[in-house]
Amino acid sequence: MRKPSLEAVILFQKILPPALGEKQPTVGDLMTKEVISLPPDAPVLDAHKVLEERRIKGLPVVDGERRLLGVLTEHELFMTGSSLHLPTLQKIFSGFQLWKGEKSLEQEIHALGNIKVGDVMNRDPMVVSERATLAEVVVALRDEKVTFVPVINEKEQVVGVVSRHDILKIFDTLKQSV
């Protein structure tokens, strides 16, 4: 698992607005603690359903002790190795019965149903600790071009996620205090 570069974090810390005060917020102060996650053996189609229903862009993949194994995002769903895009496929075929004579399409759809989250997840996600600074998480979100970063403890267990939305809430607070 990767962490943000120290040089970028130091640079960002210099430009943080003084309005944040003496004590800079940590990731633990900002993160979403109620984390939606899946095990690696969950079907990708179930993962897609969770993402759609919860309107989230991705989620951590964890083992039985909540240790981070990877992340699954819309990007991984799009890049499953199939020529069919999962969300589009589900919308197109939700009301249709497939023709038996179309073996290649039928086989590909069946193969999609057998793909597990662990088969397509990103096994090397950017992570931050709950003690990480605001600067560290902003650098991670910016440099990795991701919408969320798992927050882990010293046992590599997921204790939260921090997203771009969580960071933007700080700037809303700053606007109100000015």
N, C-alpha and C. Protein backbone atom coordinates (compact mmCIF):
# COMPACT_ATOMS: atom_id res chain seq x y z
N MET A 1 0.83 -1.17 0.00
CA MET A 1 0.00 0.00 0.00
C MET A 1 0.88 1.24 0.00
N ARG A 2 0.43 2.24 -0.75
CA ARG A 2 1.23 3.43 -0.93
C ARG A 2 0.72 4.58 -0.07
N LYS A 3 1.62 5.50 0.24
CA LYS A 3 1.29 6.70 1.01
C LYS A 3 1.72 7.93 0.23
N PRO A 4 1.13 9.11 0.52
CA PRO A 4 1.47 10.33 -0.23
C PRO A 4 2.95 10.70 -0.09
N SER A 5 3.48 11.36 -1.12
CA SER A 5 4.88 11.78 -1.08
C SER A 5 5.09 12.89 -0.06
N LEU A 6 6.17 12.81 0.68
CA LEU A 6 6.47 13.76 1.74
C LEU A 6 6.68 15.17 1.20
N GLU A 7 7.34 15.31 0.06
CA GLU A 7 7.62 16.63 -0.50
C GLU A 7 6.32 17.37 -0.82
N ALA A 8 5.37 16.67 -1.42
CA ALA A 8 4.10 17.30 -1.77
C ALA A 8 3.31 17.68 -0.52
N VAL A 9 3.37 16.86 0.50
CA VAL A 9 2.66 17.15 1.75
C VAL A 9 3.23 18.41 2.40
N ILE A 10 4.54 18.51 2.46
CA ILE A 10 5.19 19.69 3.07
C ILE A 10 4.81 20.95 2.31
N LEU A 11 4.80 20.88 1.00
CA LEU A 11 4.43 22.04 0.19
C LEU A 11 2.99 22.45 0.47
N PHE A 12 2.09 21.48 0.51
CA PHE A 12 0.68 21.79 0.74
C PHE A 12 0.47 22.36 2.14
N GLN A 13 1.19 21.86 3.14
CA GLN A 13 1.03 22.37 4.50
C GLN A 13 1.37 23.85 4.58
N LYS A 14 2.29 24.31 3.75
CA LYS A 14 2.67 25.72 3.77
C LYS A 14 1.56 26.62 3.25
N ILE A 15 0.68 26.08 2.40
CA ILE A 15 -0.36 26.93 1.81
C ILE A 15 -1.73 26.75 2.45
N LEU A 16 -1.83 25.90 3.48
CA LEU A 16 -3.12 25.75 4.16
C LEU A 16 -3.56 27.08 4.74
N PRO A 17 -4.82 27.39 4.63
CA PRO A 17 -5.29 28.67 5.16
C PRO A 17 -5.09 28.77 6.66
N PRO A 18 -4.62 29.93 7.15
CA PRO A 18 -4.46 30.12 8.59
C PRO A 18 -5.78 30.00 9.34
N ALA A 19 -6.91 30.14 8.63
CA ALA A 19 -8.22 30.07 9.27
C ALA A 19 -8.48 28.70 9.91
N LEU A 20 -7.71 27.69 9.53
CA LEU A 20 -7.91 26.38 10.14
C LEU A 20 -7.41 26.36 11.59
N GLY A 21 -6.67 27.38 11.97
CA GLY A 21 -6.24 27.50 13.36
C GLY A 21 -4.97 26.74 13.66
N GLU A 22 -4.63 26.74 14.95
CA GLU A 22 -3.41 26.09 15.43
C GLU A 22 -3.43 24.59 15.18
N LYS A 23 -4.52 23.94 15.59
CA LYS A 23 -4.60 22.49 15.46
C LYS A 23 -5.21 22.15 14.10
N GLN A 24 -4.38 21.63 13.25
CA GLN A 24 -4.87 21.20 11.94
C GLN A 24 -5.69 19.93 12.12
N PRO A 25 -6.82 19.82 11.41
CA PRO A 25 -7.62 18.59 11.54
C PRO A 25 -6.87 17.39 10.99
N THR A 26 -7.11 16.24 11.59
CA THR A 26 -6.52 14.99 11.10
C THR A 26 -7.56 14.25 10.27
N VAL A 27 -7.13 13.23 9.59
CA VAL A 27 -8.04 12.41 8.82
C VAL A 27 -9.11 11.81 9.74
N GLY A 28 -8.71 11.43 10.95
CA GLY A 28 -9.67 10.89 11.91
C GLY A 28 -10.81 11.84 12.22
N ASP A 29 -10.54 13.15 12.14
CA ASP A 29 -11.58 14.15 12.37
C ASP A 29 -12.53 14.28 11.18
N LEU A 30 -12.04 13.96 10.00
CA LEU A 30 -12.78 14.23 8.77
C LEU A 30 -13.44 13.00 8.15
N MET A 31 -12.90 11.83 8.42
CA MET A 31 -13.28 10.63 7.68
C MET A 31 -14.72 10.19 7.97
N THR A 32 -15.26 9.43 7.04
CA THR A 32 -16.52 8.75 7.23
C THR A 32 -16.21 7.45 7.94
N LYS A 33 -16.82 7.24 9.09
CA LYS A 33 -16.49 6.08 9.91
C LYS A 33 -17.36 4.86 9.61
N GLU A 34 -18.53 5.09 9.07
CA GLU A 34 -19.41 3.98 8.71
C GLU A 34 -19.08 3.57 7.28
N VAL A 35 -18.18 2.61 7.16
CA VAL A 35 -17.62 2.24 5.87
C VAL A 35 -18.41 1.08 5.25
N ILE A 36 -18.76 1.25 4.01
CA ILE A 36 -19.37 0.18 3.23
C ILE A 36 -18.21 -0.55 2.56
N SER A 37 -18.10 -1.85 2.81
CA SER A 37 -17.00 -2.63 2.23
C SER A 37 -17.55 -3.98 1.77
N LEU A 38 -16.73 -4.68 1.02
CA LEU A 38 -17.10 -6.01 0.53
C LEU A 38 -15.92 -6.96 0.71
N PRO A 39 -16.22 -8.27 0.81
CA PRO A 39 -15.13 -9.26 0.82
C PRO A 39 -14.67 -9.54 -0.61
N PRO A 40 -13.49 -10.11 -0.77
CA PRO A 40 -12.97 -10.35 -2.12
C PRO A 40 -13.76 -11.40 -2.91
N ASP A 41 -14.53 -12.25 -2.22
CA ASP A 41 -15.29 -13.28 -2.93
C ASP A 41 -16.69 -12.83 -3.33
N ALA A 42 -17.03 -11.57 -3.09
CA ALA A 42 -18.34 -11.05 -3.51
C ALA A 42 -18.36 -10.94 -5.04
N PRO A 43 -19.48 -11.29 -5.65
CA PRO A 43 -19.59 -11.14 -7.11
C PRO A 43 -19.51 -9.66 -7.53
N VAL A 44 -18.86 -9.40 -8.64
CA VAL A 44 -18.73 -8.06 -9.16
C VAL A 44 -20.12 -7.45 -9.43
N LEU A 45 -21.06 -8.26 -9.87
CA LEU A 45 -22.40 -7.73 -10.12
C LEU A 45 -23.03 -7.21 -8.84
N ASP A 46 -22.79 -7.88 -7.72
CA ASP A 46 -23.28 -7.39 -6.42
C ASP A 46 -22.60 -6.09 -6.04
N ALA A 47 -21.30 -6.00 -6.30
CA ALA A 47 -20.55 -4.78 -5.99
C ALA A 47 -21.10 -3.62 -6.79
N HIS A 48 -21.38 -3.85 -8.06
CA HIS A 48 -21.95 -2.80 -8.90
C HIS A 48 -23.28 -2.33 -8.33
N LYS A 49 -24.09 -3.26 -7.89
CA LYS A 49 -25.39 -2.91 -7.30
C LYS A 49 -25.21 -2.04 -6.06
N VAL A 50 -24.25 -2.37 -5.19
CA VAL A 50 -23.98 -1.58 -3.99
C VAL A 50 -23.54 -0.17 -4.38
N LEU A 51 -22.64 -0.05 -5.35
CA LEU A 51 -22.17 1.27 -5.79
C LEU A 51 -23.33 2.11 -6.32
N GLU A 52 -24.17 1.49 -7.12
CA GLU A 52 -25.30 2.22 -7.70
C GLU A 52 -26.31 2.62 -6.63
N GLU A 53 -26.69 1.69 -5.76
CA GLU A 53 -27.70 1.98 -4.74
C GLU A 53 -27.23 3.02 -3.73
N ARG A 54 -25.96 2.96 -3.36
CA ARG A 54 -25.42 3.89 -2.36
C ARG A 54 -24.88 5.17 -2.99
N ARG A 55 -24.85 5.19 -4.31
CA ARG A 55 -24.33 6.35 -5.05
C ARG A 55 -22.92 6.71 -4.61
N ILE A 56 -22.07 5.69 -4.56
CA ILE A 56 -20.67 5.89 -4.22
C ILE A 56 -19.82 5.46 -5.40
N LYS A 57 -18.59 5.95 -5.43
CA LYS A 57 -17.69 5.70 -6.56
C LYS A 57 -16.81 4.48 -6.36
N GLY A 58 -16.70 4.00 -5.12
CA GLY A 58 -15.85 2.86 -4.85
C GLY A 58 -15.97 2.46 -3.40
N LEU A 59 -15.31 1.34 -3.08
CA LEU A 59 -15.35 0.85 -1.70
C LEU A 59 -14.15 -0.02 -1.41
N PRO A 60 -13.79 -0.11 -0.11
CA PRO A 60 -12.67 -0.97 0.27
C PRO A 60 -13.06 -2.45 0.18
N VAL A 61 -12.09 -3.26 -0.11
CA VAL A 61 -12.26 -4.72 -0.09
C VAL A 61 -11.46 -5.21 1.11
N VAL A 62 -12.15 -5.92 2.01
CA VAL A 62 -11.53 -6.30 3.28
C VAL A 62 -11.68 -7.79 3.54
N ASP A 63 -10.80 -8.29 4.44
CA ASP A 63 -10.93 -9.69 4.87
C ASP A 63 -11.81 -9.75 6.11
N GLY A 64 -11.89 -10.91 6.74
CA GLY A 64 -12.74 -11.11 7.90
C GLY A 64 -12.39 -10.26 9.10
N GLU A 65 -11.15 -9.81 9.20
CA GLU A 65 -10.72 -8.92 10.30
C GLU A 65 -10.72 -7.45 9.89
N ARG A 66 -11.34 -7.13 8.75
CA ARG A 66 -11.44 -5.77 8.22
C ARG A 66 -10.10 -5.21 7.76
N ARG A 67 -9.11 -6.10 7.52
CA ARG A 67 -7.83 -5.64 6.95
C ARG A 67 -8.04 -5.34 5.47
N LEU A 68 -7.43 -4.27 5.03
CA LEU A 68 -7.58 -3.83 3.65
C LEU A 68 -6.84 -4.77 2.70
N LEU A 69 -7.55 -5.26 1.71
CA LEU A 69 -6.96 -6.10 0.67
C LEU A 69 -6.83 -5.33 -0.64
N GLY A 70 -7.67 -4.31 -0.81
CA GLY A 70 -7.68 -3.52 -2.03
C GLY A 70 -8.88 -2.62 -2.06
N VAL A 71 -9.10 -1.98 -3.20
CA VAL A 71 -10.30 -1.16 -3.39
C VAL A 71 -10.93 -1.53 -4.72
N LEU A 72 -12.23 -1.35 -4.78
CA LEU A 72 -12.97 -1.55 -6.03
C LEU A 72 -13.66 -0.24 -6.34
N THR A 73 -13.41 0.28 -7.53
CA THR A 73 -14.04 1.53 -7.96
C THR A 73 -14.73 1.30 -9.29
N GLU A 74 -15.42 2.34 -9.74
CA GLU A 74 -16.05 2.26 -11.05
C GLU A 74 -15.02 1.96 -12.13
N HIS A 75 -13.81 2.46 -11.95
CA HIS A 75 -12.74 2.21 -12.92
C HIS A 75 -12.48 0.71 -13.08
N GLU A 76 -12.36 0.00 -11.96
CA GLU A 76 -12.11 -1.44 -12.05
C GLU A 76 -13.29 -2.17 -12.67
N LEU A 77 -14.50 -1.72 -12.39
CA LEU A 77 -15.67 -2.36 -13.01
C LEU A 77 -15.67 -2.16 -14.51
N PHE A 78 -15.23 -1.00 -14.93
CA PHE A 78 -15.18 -0.70 -16.36
C PHE A 78 -14.09 -1.51 -17.05
N MET A 79 -13.03 -1.85 -16.32
CA MET A 79 -11.87 -2.51 -16.90
C MET A 79 -11.80 -3.99 -16.52
N THR A 80 -12.93 -4.68 -16.48
CA THR A 80 -12.95 -6.08 -16.03
C THR A 80 -12.33 -7.05 -17.01
N GLY A 81 -11.90 -6.58 -18.15
CA GLY A 81 -11.34 -7.50 -19.13
C GLY A 81 -12.40 -7.95 -20.13
N SER A 82 -13.62 -7.55 -19.92
CA SER A 82 -14.70 -7.86 -20.83
C SER A 82 -14.86 -6.70 -21.80
N SER A 83 -15.35 -6.99 -22.98
CA SER A 83 -15.63 -5.92 -23.91
C SER A 83 -16.97 -5.26 -23.58
N LEU A 84 -17.67 -5.78 -22.59
CA LEU A 84 -18.95 -5.23 -22.19
C LEU A 84 -18.78 -4.40 -20.92
N HIS A 85 -19.31 -3.19 -20.95
CA HIS A 85 -19.28 -2.32 -19.78
C HIS A 85 -20.45 -2.72 -18.87
N LEU A 86 -20.16 -3.09 -17.64
CA LEU A 86 -21.15 -3.64 -16.72
C LEU A 86 -22.41 -2.78 -16.55
N PRO A 87 -22.30 -1.50 -16.19
CA PRO A 87 -23.51 -0.71 -16.00
C PRO A 87 -24.36 -0.63 -17.26
N THR A 88 -23.70 -0.45 -18.40
CA THR A 88 -24.43 -0.38 -19.66
C THR A 88 -25.10 -1.71 -19.95
N LEU A 89 -24.38 -2.79 -19.75
CA LEU A 89 -24.92 -4.13 -19.97
C LEU A 89 -26.18 -4.37 -19.14
N GLN A 90 -26.14 -4.01 -17.86
CA GLN A 90 -27.29 -4.24 -17.00
C GLN A 90 -28.49 -3.41 -17.45
N LYS A 91 -28.26 -2.17 -17.86
CA LYS A 91 -29.37 -1.33 -18.32
C LYS A 91 -29.98 -1.86 -19.62
N ILE A 92 -29.13 -2.26 -20.54
CA ILE A 92 -29.61 -2.72 -21.84
C ILE A 92 -30.42 -4.01 -21.72
N PHE A 93 -29.91 -4.96 -20.93
CA PHE A 93 -30.53 -6.26 -20.91
C PHE A 93 -31.49 -6.49 -19.74
N SER A 94 -31.74 -5.47 -18.95
CA SER A 94 -32.60 -5.68 -17.77
C SER A 94 -34.00 -6.13 -18.16
N GLY A 95 -34.50 -5.69 -19.29
CA GLY A 95 -35.86 -6.06 -19.68
C GLY A 95 -35.93 -7.04 -20.84
N PHE A 96 -34.82 -7.57 -21.27
CA PHE A 96 -34.81 -8.45 -22.43
C PHE A 96 -34.36 -9.85 -22.07
N GLN A 97 -34.89 -10.82 -22.85
CA GLN A 97 -34.42 -12.19 -22.69
C GLN A 97 -33.41 -12.43 -23.82
N LEU A 98 -32.27 -13.01 -23.47
CA LEU A 98 -31.23 -13.22 -24.48
C LEU A 98 -31.59 -14.36 -25.42
N TRP A 99 -31.17 -14.20 -26.64
CA TRP A 99 -31.40 -15.26 -27.64
C TRP A 99 -30.42 -16.38 -27.39
N LYS A 100 -30.88 -17.61 -27.45
CA LYS A 100 -30.03 -18.77 -27.19
C LYS A 100 -28.95 -18.93 -28.25
N GLY A 101 -29.19 -18.47 -29.46
CA GLY A 101 -28.24 -18.67 -30.53
C GLY A 101 -27.01 -17.77 -30.44
N GLU A 102 -27.03 -16.75 -29.60
CA GLU A 102 -25.91 -15.81 -29.50
C GLU A 102 -24.94 -16.29 -28.44
N LYS A 103 -24.21 -17.35 -28.75
CA LYS A 103 -23.34 -17.99 -27.77
C LYS A 103 -22.27 -17.07 -27.21
N SER A 104 -21.60 -16.29 -28.06
CA SER A 104 -20.50 -15.49 -27.53
C SER A 104 -21.00 -14.43 -26.54
N LEU A 105 -22.10 -13.78 -26.84
CA LEU A 105 -22.66 -12.79 -25.94
C LEU A 105 -23.17 -13.48 -24.66
N GLU A 106 -23.84 -14.57 -24.82
CA GLU A 106 -24.36 -15.31 -23.66
C GLU A 106 -23.22 -15.79 -22.77
N GLN A 107 -22.14 -16.29 -23.38
CA GLN A 107 -20.99 -16.75 -22.61
C GLN A 107 -20.31 -15.58 -21.88
N GLU A 108 -20.21 -14.45 -22.55
CA GLU A 108 -19.57 -13.30 -21.94
C GLU A 108 -20.38 -12.79 -20.75
N ILE A 109 -21.69 -12.76 -20.88
CA ILE A 109 -22.55 -12.33 -19.77
C ILE A 109 -22.44 -13.32 -18.62
N HIS A 110 -22.39 -14.60 -18.91
CA HIS A 110 -22.22 -15.62 -17.87
C HIS A 110 -20.86 -15.44 -17.18
N ALA A 111 -19.84 -15.16 -17.96
CA ALA A 111 -18.50 -14.95 -17.39
C ALA A 111 -18.48 -13.74 -16.46
N LEU A 112 -19.22 -12.68 -16.84
CA LEU A 112 -19.30 -11.50 -15.98
C LEU A 112 -19.90 -11.86 -14.63
N GLY A 113 -20.88 -12.73 -14.63
CA GLY A 113 -21.52 -13.16 -13.39
C GLY A 113 -20.58 -13.94 -12.49
N ASN A 114 -19.55 -14.54 -13.04
CA ASN A 114 -18.60 -15.34 -12.25
C ASN A 114 -17.41 -14.53 -11.74
N ILE A 115 -17.25 -13.30 -12.19
CA ILE A 115 -16.11 -12.49 -11.77
C ILE A 115 -16.33 -12.03 -10.33
N LYS A 116 -15.31 -12.17 -9.52
CA LYS A 116 -15.36 -11.77 -8.11
C LYS A 116 -14.63 -10.45 -7.92
N VAL A 117 -15.01 -9.75 -6.87
CA VAL A 117 -14.39 -8.47 -6.54
C VAL A 117 -12.87 -8.61 -6.46
N GLY A 118 -12.40 -9.69 -5.83
CA GLY A 118 -10.97 -9.92 -5.69
C GLY A 118 -10.24 -10.08 -7.02
N ASP A 119 -10.98 -10.45 -8.07
CA ASP A 119 -10.37 -10.63 -9.39
C ASP A 119 -10.04 -9.30 -10.07
N VAL A 120 -10.77 -8.24 -9.72
CA VAL A 120 -10.62 -6.98 -10.46
C VAL A 120 -10.22 -5.80 -9.58
N MET A 121 -10.16 -5.98 -8.26
CA MET A 121 -9.86 -4.86 -7.37
C MET A 121 -8.44 -4.35 -7.58
N ASN A 122 -8.22 -3.11 -7.19
CA ASN A 122 -6.89 -2.52 -7.17
C ASN A 122 -6.21 -3.02 -5.90
N ARG A 123 -5.15 -3.80 -6.04
CA ARG A 123 -4.48 -4.41 -4.89
C ARG A 123 -3.41 -3.49 -4.26
N ASP A 124 -3.19 -2.34 -4.86
CA ASP A 124 -2.18 -1.42 -4.34
C ASP A 124 -2.75 -0.01 -4.22
N PRO A 125 -3.78 0.16 -3.39
CA PRO A 125 -4.41 1.48 -3.31
C PRO A 125 -3.60 2.45 -2.44
N MET A 126 -3.82 3.72 -2.67
CA MET A 126 -3.29 4.76 -1.79
C MET A 126 -4.07 4.66 -0.48
N VAL A 127 -3.37 4.76 0.65
CA VAL A 127 -4.00 4.73 1.97
C VAL A 127 -3.43 5.84 2.83
N VAL A 128 -4.17 6.21 3.87
CA VAL A 128 -3.68 7.14 4.87
C VAL A 128 -4.06 6.60 6.25
N SER A 129 -3.31 7.03 7.25
CA SER A 129 -3.64 6.63 8.62
C SER A 129 -4.63 7.64 9.19
N GLU A 130 -5.31 7.25 10.26
CA GLU A 130 -6.27 8.16 10.87
C GLU A 130 -5.60 9.36 11.51
N ARG A 131 -4.28 9.29 11.71
CA ARG A 131 -3.52 10.41 12.26
C ARG A 131 -2.92 11.30 11.17
N ALA A 132 -3.16 10.96 9.93
CA ALA A 132 -2.62 11.75 8.81
C ALA A 132 -3.22 13.16 8.83
N THR A 133 -2.47 14.08 8.29
CA THR A 133 -2.91 15.47 8.25
C THR A 133 -3.83 15.72 7.06
N LEU A 134 -4.50 16.84 7.11
CA LEU A 134 -5.33 17.29 5.99
C LEU A 134 -4.48 17.38 4.72
N ALA A 135 -3.28 17.91 4.86
CA ALA A 135 -2.38 18.04 3.70
C ALA A 135 -2.09 16.69 3.07
N GLU A 136 -1.82 15.67 3.90
CA GLU A 136 -1.50 14.35 3.37
C GLU A 136 -2.66 13.78 2.55
N VAL A 137 -3.87 13.93 3.06
CA VAL A 137 -5.00 13.35 2.34
C VAL A 137 -5.33 14.14 1.08
N VAL A 138 -5.19 15.46 1.13
CA VAL A 138 -5.43 16.26 -0.07
C VAL A 138 -4.42 15.89 -1.15
N VAL A 139 -3.17 15.73 -0.77
CA VAL A 139 -2.14 15.32 -1.74
C VAL A 139 -2.47 13.94 -2.32
N ALA A 140 -2.89 13.02 -1.48
CA ALA A 140 -3.23 11.68 -1.95
C ALA A 140 -4.39 11.73 -2.95
N LEU A 141 -5.43 12.47 -2.62
CA LEU A 141 -6.59 12.58 -3.51
C LEU A 141 -6.21 13.27 -4.82
N ARG A 142 -5.38 14.31 -4.72
CA ARG A 142 -4.99 15.06 -5.92
C ARG A 142 -4.05 14.26 -6.81
N ASP A 143 -2.99 13.72 -6.22
CA ASP A 143 -1.97 13.05 -7.01
C ASP A 143 -2.45 11.75 -7.62
N GLU A 144 -3.29 11.04 -6.89
CA GLU A 144 -3.77 9.74 -7.38
C GLU A 144 -5.01 9.86 -8.26
N LYS A 145 -5.60 11.06 -8.26
CA LYS A 145 -6.82 11.30 -9.04
C LYS A 145 -7.90 10.29 -8.66
N VAL A 146 -8.06 10.09 -7.35
CA VAL A 146 -9.09 9.19 -6.83
C VAL A 146 -10.14 10.00 -6.09
N THR A 147 -11.30 9.41 -5.87
CA THR A 147 -12.37 10.12 -5.19
C THR A 147 -12.41 9.81 -3.69
N PHE A 148 -11.75 8.73 -3.29
CA PHE A 148 -11.69 8.40 -1.87
C PHE A 148 -10.40 7.65 -1.57
N VAL A 149 -10.02 7.67 -0.29
CA VAL A 149 -8.83 6.94 0.16
C VAL A 149 -9.22 6.19 1.43
N PRO A 150 -8.92 4.88 1.50
CA PRO A 150 -9.18 4.15 2.74
C PRO A 150 -8.28 4.67 3.87
N VAL A 151 -8.84 4.69 5.06
CA VAL A 151 -8.10 5.09 6.25
C VAL A 151 -7.87 3.82 7.06
N ILE A 152 -6.59 3.56 7.37
CA ILE A 152 -6.27 2.31 8.06
C ILE A 152 -5.58 2.61 9.39
N ASN A 153 -5.68 1.63 10.30
CA ASN A 153 -4.96 1.74 11.57
C ASN A 153 -3.64 0.98 11.46
N GLU A 154 -2.93 0.85 12.58
CA GLU A 154 -1.62 0.19 12.57
C GLU A 154 -1.69 -1.29 12.20
N LYS A 155 -2.88 -1.91 12.30
CA LYS A 155 -3.05 -3.33 11.92
C LYS A 155 -3.52 -3.47 10.47
N GLU A 156 -3.51 -2.34 9.74
CA GLU A 156 -3.99 -2.27 8.35
C GLU A 156 -5.47 -2.60 8.23
N GLN A 157 -6.21 -2.36 9.31
CA GLN A 157 -7.67 -2.53 9.30
C GLN A 157 -8.31 -1.22 8.85
N VAL A 158 -9.36 -1.33 8.07
CA VAL A 158 -10.06 -0.15 7.61
C VAL A 158 -10.89 0.42 8.77
N VAL A 159 -10.63 1.68 9.10
CA VAL A 159 -11.38 2.35 10.17
C VAL A 159 -12.21 3.50 9.62
N GLY A 160 -12.08 3.77 8.33
CA GLY A 160 -12.86 4.82 7.70
C GLY A 160 -12.43 5.03 6.27
N VAL A 161 -13.07 5.95 5.62
CA VAL A 161 -12.66 6.40 4.30
C VAL A 161 -12.75 7.92 4.32
N VAL A 162 -11.89 8.56 3.56
CA VAL A 162 -11.96 10.01 3.42
C VAL A 162 -12.06 10.30 1.94
N SER A 163 -13.01 11.16 1.61
CA SER A 163 -13.31 11.43 0.20
C SER A 163 -13.11 12.90 -0.11
N ARG A 164 -13.19 13.22 -1.37
CA ARG A 164 -13.13 14.62 -1.78
C ARG A 164 -14.25 15.40 -1.11
N HIS A 165 -15.41 14.78 -1.01
CA HIS A 165 -16.57 15.42 -0.37
C HIS A 165 -16.25 15.78 1.08
N ASP A 166 -15.59 14.87 1.81
CA ASP A 166 -15.22 15.15 3.20
C ASP A 166 -14.31 16.37 3.29
N ILE A 167 -13.38 16.50 2.36
CA ILE A 167 -12.45 17.63 2.35
C ILE A 167 -13.18 18.93 2.01
N LEU A 168 -14.08 18.85 1.05
CA LEU A 168 -14.81 20.05 0.66
C LEU A 168 -15.68 20.60 1.79
N LYS A 169 -16.12 19.73 2.70
CA LYS A 169 -16.90 20.20 3.85
C LYS A 169 -16.08 21.17 4.70
N ILE A 170 -14.77 20.99 4.77
CA ILE A 170 -13.91 21.90 5.53
C ILE A 170 -13.95 23.29 4.92
N PHE A 171 -13.89 23.36 3.60
CA PHE A 171 -13.88 24.65 2.95
C PHE A 171 -15.23 25.35 3.10
N ASP A 172 -16.32 24.60 3.19
CA ASP A 172 -17.62 25.20 3.49
C ASP A 172 -17.60 25.83 4.87
N THR A 173 -16.97 25.13 5.84
CA THR A 173 -16.85 25.66 7.19
C THR A 173 -16.01 26.93 7.19
N LEU A 174 -14.93 26.93 6.43
CA LEU A 174 -14.07 28.11 6.35
C LEU A 174 -14.82 29.31 5.76
N LYS A 175 -15.63 29.07 4.74
CA LYS A 175 -16.39 30.17 4.13
C LYS A 175 -17.35 30.78 5.15
N GLN A 176 -17.94 29.95 6.00
CA GLN A 176 -18.89 30.44 6.98
C GLN A 176 -18.20 31.25 8.08
N SER A 177 -16.94 30.92 8.37
CA SER A 177 -16.23 31.63 9.44
C SER A 177 -15.60 32.94 8.98
N VAL A 178 -15.55 33.15 7.68
CA VAL A 178 -14.93 34.37 7.15
C VAL A 178 -15.96 35.46 6.99
